[in-house]
Amino acid sequence: MMIKMIIDPHIHSKYSGDATSSPGDIIRISRDIGLDAIAIADHNTLKGSIVAVEEAKDLEDFLVIPAMELTTTKGHIVALGITQEIDNGLSPEETIDNIRVHGGIAIAPHPFVRYREGLCGYVKNLDIDAIETLNSRYIFGYSNWRAKKLAEKRSIPEIGASDAHFLGAIGSCVTELEAEFSVESVIKGILSGKTNVFGNRTPLPLILKEVIKKKIKRA
């Protein structure tokens, strides 16, 4: 049965290397705040998703969508709904082809944020399936505005995501769509373009706290 779902399709777990949350804690918090589905999209690894899918397999009211945030030669691309791990370090075009071969769709995350390895100008003519027009890790929101303008110009489905690297940021920005509780149905819902995105900026003090913790850890 089709229902209106609220999903956060871009969350990082401890398997990313730059985040600290366990997949289990991410699932717990996500359910507590009322999300219907999430995607753990760790940097260049499917490990976090594999663990999360296993931990959520018996939940009838919650869905984990396998994902990765891949590093390409031009910037990051989120592979959503893939069936197996995909190589990083390839061109965006090769990466997108691989994502589709393995049953997923290619999403451009924070596309106009250069310091976070967004695709920037390269995304303008790239054959992507969806684009983050509301990523919660922003200061002024200009990059989100540019992404939305591009989505409207090219009729690209819009995605809202927290890009959370810690538990307190989960659900800051989300995507609303109609789908069944299956990965395939959510993917179809995104590709239909009938998505709503909404949410708020992750509070800057929390982001600064996260950055300080990372610097202390590396010291």
Protein backbone atom coordinates (compact mmCIF):
# COMPACT_ATOMS: atom_id res chain seq x y z
CA MET A 1 0.00 0.00 0.00
CA MET A 2 1.28 3.44 -0.95
CA ILE A 3 1.72 5.83 1.96
CA LYS A 4 3.26 9.25 2.48
CA MET A 5 6.78 8.63 3.76
CA ILE A 6 9.35 10.93 5.35
CA ILE A 7 12.91 9.83 4.62
CA ASP A 8 16.40 11.09 5.39
CA PRO A 9 18.43 9.71 2.47
CA HIS A 10 21.93 10.86 3.44
CA ILE A 11 23.28 9.96 6.89
CA HIS A 12 26.82 8.98 7.90
CA SER A 13 27.79 6.30 10.41
CA LYS A 14 31.09 5.47 12.09
CA TYR A 15 32.07 3.51 8.98
CA SER A 16 32.52 6.80 7.11
CA GLY A 17 35.64 7.63 9.08
CA ASP A 18 34.42 11.17 9.76
CA ALA A 19 31.35 10.29 11.84
CA THR A 20 30.84 8.55 15.19
CA SER A 21 27.33 7.07 15.28
CA SER A 22 26.61 3.35 15.11
CA PRO A 23 24.00 2.14 12.60
CA GLY A 24 21.91 0.86 15.51
CA ASP A 25 21.83 4.26 17.22
CA ILE A 26 21.01 5.94 13.91
CA ILE A 27 18.02 3.63 13.45
CA ARG A 28 16.85 4.22 17.02
CA ILE A 29 16.99 8.01 16.77
CA SER A 30 15.43 8.02 13.31
CA ARG A 31 12.44 6.03 14.55
CA ASP A 32 12.15 8.17 17.69
CA ILE A 33 11.79 11.36 15.62
CA GLY A 34 9.25 9.79 13.29
CA LEU A 35 11.19 9.00 10.13
CA ASP A 36 9.85 6.20 7.96
CA ALA A 37 13.10 5.43 6.13
CA ILE A 38 16.77 6.36 6.02
CA ALA A 39 19.83 5.75 3.91
CA ILE A 40 23.22 5.42 5.53
CA ALA A 41 25.51 6.77 2.83
CA ASP A 42 29.03 6.37 4.17
CA HIS A 43 32.07 7.57 2.27
CA ASN A 44 33.20 4.92 -0.23
CA THR A 45 31.87 1.96 1.73
CA LEU A 46 28.64 0.01 2.03
CA LYS A 47 29.53 -1.39 5.47
CA GLY A 48 27.28 0.94 7.46
CA SER A 49 24.33 0.18 5.20
CA ILE A 50 24.89 -3.56 5.42
CA VAL A 51 24.86 -3.44 9.22
CA ALA A 52 21.81 -1.16 9.29
CA VAL A 53 19.81 -3.27 6.83
CA GLU A 54 20.45 -6.34 8.98
CA GLU A 55 19.47 -4.55 12.19
CA ALA A 56 16.23 -3.24 10.66
CA LYS A 57 15.18 -6.38 8.78
CA ASP A 58 12.41 -7.29 11.25
CA LEU A 59 10.94 -3.80 11.51
CA GLU A 60 7.63 -3.53 9.69
CA ASP A 61 7.33 0.25 9.97
CA PHE A 62 10.86 1.32 9.09
CA LEU A 63 13.05 0.94 6.01
CA VAL A 64 16.81 1.17 5.51
CA ILE A 65 17.90 1.93 1.95
CA PRO A 66 21.47 0.79 1.15
CA ALA A 67 23.69 3.63 -0.05
CA MET A 68 27.20 5.00 -0.41
CA GLU A 69 28.64 8.47 -0.95
CA LEU A 70 31.19 7.89 -3.67
CA THR A 71 34.23 10.03 -4.41
CA THR A 72 34.58 10.59 -8.16
CA THR A 73 37.22 12.49 -10.10
CA LYS A 74 34.97 15.56 -10.08
CA GLY A 75 33.23 15.34 -6.71
CA HIS A 76 30.81 13.30 -4.62
CA ILE A 77 27.84 11.25 -5.85
CA VAL A 78 25.43 9.36 -3.58
CA ALA A 79 24.52 5.89 -4.83
CA LEU A 80 21.06 5.15 -3.43
CA GLY A 81 19.47 1.69 -3.51
CA ILE A 82 22.48 -0.21 -4.79
CA THR A 83 22.80 -3.98 -4.42
CA GLN A 84 26.55 -4.12 -3.84
CA GLU A 85 29.59 -1.94 -3.15
CA ILE A 86 30.81 0.24 -6.02
CA ASP A 87 34.35 1.39 -6.80
CA ASN A 88 35.25 5.00 -6.08
CA GLY A 89 37.77 7.18 -7.88
CA LEU A 90 36.11 6.87 -11.28
CA SER A 91 34.70 9.64 -13.45
CA PRO A 92 31.16 10.83 -12.63
CA GLU A 93 29.88 9.23 -15.83
CA GLU A 94 31.46 5.86 -15.05
CA THR A 95 30.21 6.06 -11.48
CA ILE A 96 26.64 6.77 -12.58
CA ASP A 97 26.73 3.86 -15.03
CA ASN A 98 27.93 1.53 -12.25
CA ILE A 99 25.25 2.75 -9.87
CA ARG A 100 22.51 2.00 -12.39
CA VAL A 101 23.97 -1.39 -13.28
CA HIS A 102 23.67 -2.31 -9.60
CA GLY A 103 20.06 -1.21 -9.28
CA GLY A 104 20.54 2.22 -7.76
CA ILE A 105 20.10 5.86 -8.65
CA ALA A 106 22.70 8.62 -8.68
CA ILE A 107 22.14 11.69 -6.51
CA ALA A 108 24.28 14.83 -6.51
CA PRO A 109 24.82 15.77 -2.84
CA HIS A 110 25.65 19.38 -1.81
CA PRO A 111 26.51 19.92 -5.49
CA PHE A 112 27.70 23.53 -5.29
CA VAL A 113 29.80 23.27 -2.12
CA ARG A 114 33.39 23.08 -3.38
CA TYR A 115 35.05 22.60 0.03
CA ARG A 116 32.88 19.52 0.61
CA GLU A 117 33.76 18.05 -2.78
CA GLY A 118 30.51 18.89 -4.51
CA LEU A 119 30.40 18.43 -8.28
CA CYS A 120 30.07 22.22 -8.66
CA GLY A 121 29.91 23.38 -12.30
CA TYR A 122 30.36 19.84 -13.59
CA VAL A 123 26.88 18.90 -12.37
CA LYS A 124 25.11 21.26 -14.75
CA ASN A 125 25.11 18.86 -17.70
CA LEU A 126 25.58 15.57 -15.84
CA ASP A 127 22.98 12.81 -16.28
CA ILE A 128 22.04 12.50 -12.61
CA ASP A 129 18.79 11.01 -11.30
CA ALA A 130 18.19 13.45 -8.44
CA ILE A 131 19.84 16.39 -6.74
CA GLU A 132 20.03 17.60 -3.14
CA THR A 133 18.32 20.97 -3.14
CA LEU A 134 18.13 21.07 0.65
CA ASN A 135 21.20 19.80 2.50
CA SER A 136 21.13 20.80 6.18
CA ARG A 137 24.88 21.43 6.51
CA TYR A 138 24.88 25.01 5.25
CA ILE A 139 25.63 28.49 6.53
CA PHE A 140 23.75 30.87 4.21
CA GLY A 141 21.99 28.43 1.89
CA TYR A 142 23.34 29.78 -1.40
CA SER A 143 24.46 26.35 -2.59
CA ASN A 144 20.99 24.93 -1.92
CA TRP A 145 19.47 27.83 -3.86
CA ARG A 146 21.71 27.11 -6.86
CA ALA A 147 20.86 23.42 -6.70
CA LYS A 148 17.14 24.18 -6.68
CA LYS A 149 17.47 26.48 -9.67
CA LEU A 150 19.26 23.72 -11.58
CA ALA A 151 16.63 21.15 -10.57
CA GLU A 152 13.87 23.42 -11.82
CA LYS A 153 15.67 24.23 -15.07
CA ARG A 154 16.33 20.57 -15.94
CA SER A 155 13.30 19.00 -14.19
CA ILE A 156 15.53 16.90 -11.91
CA PRO A 157 13.86 15.26 -8.87
CA GLU A 158 14.66 17.13 -5.65
CA ILE A 159 16.07 15.58 -2.48
CA GLY A 160 16.22 16.94 1.06
CA ALA A 161 18.76 15.33 3.41
CA SER A 162 20.48 15.99 6.71
CA ASP A 163 23.92 14.71 5.67
CA ALA A 164 24.14 14.01 9.40
CA HIS A 165 27.54 13.11 10.83
CA PHE A 166 26.20 12.90 14.40
CA LEU A 167 22.93 11.81 15.97
CA GLY A 168 21.62 15.28 16.78
CA ALA A 169 21.54 16.26 13.11
CA ILE A 170 19.45 13.34 11.84
CA GLY A 171 16.24 14.48 10.21
CA SER A 172 17.27 18.14 9.99
CA CYS A 173 16.28 18.10 6.32
CA VAL A 174 14.16 15.36 4.77
CA THR A 175 12.34 14.20 1.66
CA GLU A 176 8.62 13.47 1.55
CA LEU A 177 7.20 11.12 -1.08
CA GLU A 178 4.58 8.46 -1.65
CA ALA A 179 5.83 4.87 -1.69
CA GLU A 180 5.47 1.42 -0.23
CA PHE A 181 7.89 0.07 2.38
CA SER A 182 10.37 -1.24 -0.16
CA VAL A 183 13.60 0.08 -1.63
CA GLU A 184 12.25 -0.32 -5.17
CA SER A 185 9.14 1.71 -4.40
CA VAL A 186 11.09 4.54 -2.76
CA ILE A 187 13.42 4.69 -5.77
CA LYS A 188 10.41 4.92 -8.09
CA GLY A 189 8.94 7.62 -5.88
CA ILE A 190 12.10 9.71 -6.22
CA LEU A 191 12.38 9.19 -9.97
CA SER A 192 8.77 10.28 -10.41
CA GLY A 193 9.83 13.74 -9.31
CA LYS A 194 6.88 13.95 -6.93
CA THR A 195 8.97 14.81 -3.89
CA ASN A 196 8.72 17.54 -1.29
CA VAL A 197 11.78 18.69 0.61
CA PHE A 198 11.77 20.56 3.89
CA GLY A 199 13.74 21.10 7.06
CA ASN A 200 16.20 23.40 8.77
CA ARG A 201 19.90 24.09 8.95
CA THR A 202 21.91 21.95 11.34
CA PRO A 203 22.71 24.37 14.20
CA LEU A 204 26.17 25.86 13.68
CA PRO A 205 27.27 25.27 17.32
CA LEU A 206 26.69 21.54 16.80
CA ILE A 207 28.72 21.53 13.58
CA LEU A 208 31.54 23.45 15.27
CA LYS A 209 31.49 21.01 18.17
CA GLU A 210 31.78 18.15 15.69
CA VAL A 211 34.72 19.80 13.90
CA ILE A 212 36.56 20.40 17.20
CA LYS A 213 36.06 16.76 18.23
CA LYS A 214 37.51 15.59 14.92
CA LYS A 215 40.56 17.83 15.29
CA ILE A 216 41.16 16.57 18.85
CA LYS A 217 40.80 12.97 17.65
CA ARG A 218 43.36 13.50 14.89
CA ALA A 219 45.84 15.28 17.15
